[in-house]
Protein backbone atom coordinates (compact mmCIF):
# COMPACT_ATOMS: atom_id res chain seq x y z
CA UNK A 1 -46.68 34.84 97.73
CA UNK A 2 -43.78 33.61 95.58
CA UNK A 3 -42.85 37.09 94.21
CA UNK A 4 -42.70 38.43 97.74
CA UNK A 5 -40.24 35.73 98.86
CA UNK A 6 -38.00 36.40 95.87
CA UNK A 7 -37.94 40.05 96.79
CA UNK A 8 -37.00 39.29 100.37
CA UNK A 9 -34.15 37.01 99.30
CA UNK A 10 -32.89 39.58 96.88
CA UNK A 11 -32.93 42.21 99.63
CA UNK A 12 -31.03 39.99 102.11
CA UNK A 13 -28.15 38.94 99.82
CA UNK A 14 -26.26 42.28 99.95
CA UNK A 15 -26.28 42.21 103.75
CA UNK A 16 -24.59 38.78 103.79
CA UNK A 17 -21.93 40.04 101.44
CA UNK A 18 -21.43 43.09 103.60
CA UNK A 19 -21.04 40.98 106.74
CA UNK A 20 -18.47 38.71 105.05
CA UNK A 21 -16.57 41.75 103.85
CA UNK A 22 -16.45 43.16 107.37
CA UNK A 23 -15.14 39.87 108.80
CA UNK A 24 -12.42 39.65 106.14
CA UNK A 25 -11.26 43.21 106.81
CA UNK A 26 -11.09 42.60 110.58
CA UNK A 27 -9.02 39.43 110.10
CA UNK A 28 -6.57 41.23 107.81
CA UNK A 29 -6.19 44.12 110.27
CA UNK A 30 -5.45 41.75 113.14
CA UNK A 31 -2.73 40.05 111.08
CA UNK A 32 -1.08 43.34 110.13
CA UNK A 33 -1.15 45.11 113.49
CA UNK A 34 2.03 44.38 115.61
CA UNK A 35 0.03 44.45 118.81
CA UNK A 36 -1.94 41.48 117.61
CA UNK A 37 1.08 39.30 116.53
CA UNK A 38 0.89 35.66 117.56
CA UNK A 39 3.54 34.77 120.22
CA UNK A 40 5.99 31.93 119.40
CA UNK A 41 6.00 28.95 121.72
CA UNK A 42 9.22 27.82 123.47
CA UNK A 43 10.37 24.69 125.23
CA UNK A 44 13.54 24.08 127.30
CA UNK A 45 15.57 21.04 128.30
CA UNK A 46 18.30 20.98 131.00
CA UNK A 47 21.69 19.27 130.62
CA UNK A 48 23.08 17.66 133.75
CA UNK A 49 26.73 18.52 134.45
CA UNK A 50 29.19 16.55 136.59
CA UNK A 51 32.65 18.21 136.61
CA UNK A 52 35.66 16.98 138.58
CA UNK A 53 38.58 19.29 139.32
CA UNK A 54 41.65 17.06 139.14
CA UNK A 55 44.82 17.37 141.19
CA UNK A 56 47.17 20.21 140.19
CA UNK A 57 50.76 19.96 139.00
CA UNK A 58 54.19 21.44 139.74
CA UNK A 59 56.34 21.55 136.59
CA UNK A 60 59.05 23.59 134.90
CA UNK A 61 60.11 23.54 131.23
CA UNK A 62 63.63 24.75 130.40
CA UNK A 63 64.18 27.14 127.49
CA UNK A 64 65.53 25.79 124.19
CA UNK A 65 69.22 24.84 123.97
CA UNK A 66 71.61 27.76 124.39
CA UNK A 67 74.27 28.39 121.73
CA UNK A 68 76.59 31.38 122.04
CA UNK A 69 80.11 32.57 121.27
CA UNK A 70 82.45 33.40 124.14
CA UNK A 71 85.60 35.52 124.20
CA UNK A 72 88.41 34.31 126.48
CA UNK A 73 89.99 36.56 129.08
CA UNK A 74 86.85 38.54 129.81
CA UNK A 75 83.28 38.42 131.08
CA UNK A 76 80.73 37.73 128.38
CA UNK A 77 77.64 39.52 129.69
CA UNK A 78 73.93 39.55 128.94
CA UNK A 79 73.62 36.18 127.22
CA UNK A 80 69.87 35.58 126.85
CA UNK A 81 68.64 32.34 128.40
CA UNK A 82 65.26 32.32 126.66
CA UNK A 83 61.72 31.91 127.94
CA UNK A 84 61.15 29.78 131.02
CA UNK A 85 57.70 28.23 131.55
CA UNK A 86 56.58 26.87 134.92
CA UNK A 87 53.34 25.70 136.47
CA UNK A 88 52.08 25.53 140.02
CA UNK A 89 48.45 24.51 140.40
CA UNK A 90 48.84 22.39 143.55
CA UNK A 91 46.89 24.86 145.68
CA UNK A 92 48.36 23.21 148.76
CA UNK A 93 48.88 26.36 150.80
CA UNK A 94 52.65 26.42 150.27
CA UNK A 95 54.81 29.22 148.95
CA UNK A 96 57.08 28.22 146.07
CA UNK A 97 60.14 29.20 144.07
CA UNK A 98 61.99 28.63 140.81
CA UNK A 99 65.77 28.31 140.85
CA UNK A 100 68.65 27.69 138.45
CA UNK A 101 72.04 25.99 138.75
CA UNK A 102 74.83 25.16 136.31
CA UNK A 103 77.78 22.83 136.09
CA UNK A 104 81.15 23.67 134.53
CA UNK A 105 81.14 23.86 130.76
CA UNK A 106 83.75 21.46 129.47
CA UNK A 107 85.43 20.61 126.19
CA UNK A 108 86.43 17.28 124.69
CA UNK A 109 90.00 18.60 124.46
CA UNK A 110 90.11 19.09 128.21
CA UNK A 111 89.21 22.75 128.60
CA UNK A 112 86.99 23.97 131.41
CA UNK A 113 84.82 27.05 132.02
CA UNK A 114 84.00 26.90 135.75
CA UNK A 115 80.55 27.78 137.06
CA UNK A 116 82.27 29.99 139.65
CA UNK A 117 82.77 32.49 136.84
CA UNK A 118 79.06 32.60 135.98
CA UNK A 119 76.17 34.68 137.26
CA UNK A 120 72.49 34.71 136.36
CA UNK A 121 70.15 37.71 136.30
CA UNK A 122 66.47 36.84 136.71
CA UNK A 123 64.14 38.17 134.03
CA UNK A 124 61.72 40.79 135.29
CA UNK A 125 58.85 39.97 132.93
CA UNK A 126 56.51 37.24 134.18
CA UNK A 127 53.17 36.70 132.46
CA UNK A 128 50.42 34.35 133.61
CA UNK A 129 48.29 32.29 131.26
CA UNK A 130 44.51 32.66 131.19
CA UNK A 131 43.09 31.41 134.48
CA UNK A 132 46.21 32.12 136.53
CA UNK A 133 45.73 33.92 139.85
CA UNK A 134 48.35 36.41 140.94
CA UNK A 135 51.86 36.86 139.55
CA UNK A 136 55.16 35.55 140.95
CA UNK A 137 57.93 38.00 141.85
CA UNK A 138 61.24 37.95 140.01
CA UNK A 139 64.06 36.51 142.12
CA UNK A 140 67.40 38.06 142.97
CA UNK A 141 69.52 35.80 140.77
CA UNK A 142 73.22 36.16 141.52
CA UNK A 143 76.64 34.58 141.15
CA UNK A 144 76.93 30.81 141.01
CA UNK A 145 78.81 29.37 143.95
CA UNK A 146 79.55 26.01 145.52
CA UNK A 147 82.16 23.32 145.90
CA UNK A 148 83.13 22.04 142.47
CA UNK A 149 83.75 18.44 143.48
CA UNK A 150 83.65 16.94 140.00
CA UNK A 151 84.18 19.57 137.28
CA UNK A 152 81.67 19.11 134.49
CA UNK A 153 79.31 17.11 136.70
CA UNK A 154 78.82 18.98 139.99
CA UNK A 155 76.05 21.57 139.91
CA UNK A 156 76.44 24.96 141.58
CA UNK A 157 74.34 26.19 144.44
CA UNK A 158 70.95 27.47 143.20
CA UNK A 159 70.06 31.09 142.53
CA UNK A 160 66.44 32.23 142.66
CA UNK A 161 64.61 33.26 139.49
CA UNK A 162 61.08 33.66 140.87
CA UNK A 163 59.02 33.26 144.03
CA UNK A 164 55.28 32.92 144.60
CA UNK A 165 53.01 32.94 147.63
CA UNK A 166 50.50 30.15 148.18
CA UNK A 167 47.76 32.19 146.51
CA UNK A 168 49.76 32.55 143.26
CA UNK A 169 48.61 29.64 141.13
CA UNK A 170 48.73 28.98 137.41
CA UNK A 171 51.00 28.72 134.38
CA UNK A 172 53.66 31.42 133.96
CA UNK A 173 56.23 32.45 131.38
CA UNK A 174 59.32 34.34 132.53
CA UNK A 175 61.43 36.18 129.99
CA UNK A 176 64.52 38.38 130.09
CA UNK A 177 66.79 36.16 132.18
CA UNK A 178 70.47 36.34 131.22
CA UNK A 179 73.74 34.70 132.15
CA UNK A 180 77.19 36.22 132.28
CA UNK A 181 80.18 33.94 131.75
CA UNK A 182 83.79 34.77 132.54
CA UNK A 183 86.13 32.71 130.38
CA UNK A 184 89.65 32.39 131.86
CA UNK A 185 92.46 33.73 129.70
CA UNK A 186 94.26 31.00 127.84
CA UNK A 187 91.14 28.82 127.59
CA UNK A 188 91.53 26.60 124.54
CA UNK A 189 89.46 27.34 121.46
CA UNK A 190 86.70 24.83 120.88
CA UNK A 191 83.15 23.80 121.70
CA UNK A 192 82.18 23.61 125.37
CA UNK A 193 79.05 21.96 126.70
CA UNK A 194 77.27 22.04 130.02
CA UNK A 195 73.79 22.19 131.51
CA UNK A 196 71.74 24.80 133.29
CA UNK A 197 69.17 23.08 135.47
CA UNK A 198 65.89 24.76 136.43
CA UNK A 199 63.92 23.57 139.46
CA UNK A 200 60.51 24.52 140.87
CA UNK A 201 59.94 23.79 144.55
CA UNK A 202 56.66 24.17 146.39
């Protein structure tokens, strides 16, 4: 009986090896085939947000100081005023405007260049910053007028540089504005100082 058992065991061994080989091949095929790829697991977590929109502002920032040469006895035209930046984010339903005035330009030696000889042309280029809604319209500008009560101190009547409806909100930069200055003949040579005041109203 012993020889028979040995023969049976010997006959069964190759079948075990064959079965193991088949299992190994199937496992390898499953790993290589894209359709049998194992899906990655994911997990999410939510961040709670509490955001408060604060009250808006109404501001204007004058251009840098103006320095120019003037010739007496004539109108000195097209003097660039620089870039004017203004903000209206009040969103209060009101239309708004930006204006400019000037006083006389005076000298320490007693000379005077009156604002009545000045005019301002509003720049036609107005660009809004990111997030701004709508664009203001350039104003009419015009000659500076008014009663010069105290030369060198009294400001002229305002001229309009820009206007915006209530829906126009944001930060804007206006460029291209100029001033023309008529210097009376016989005006003394020297340095004259004054101030151009910009105002936003809304």
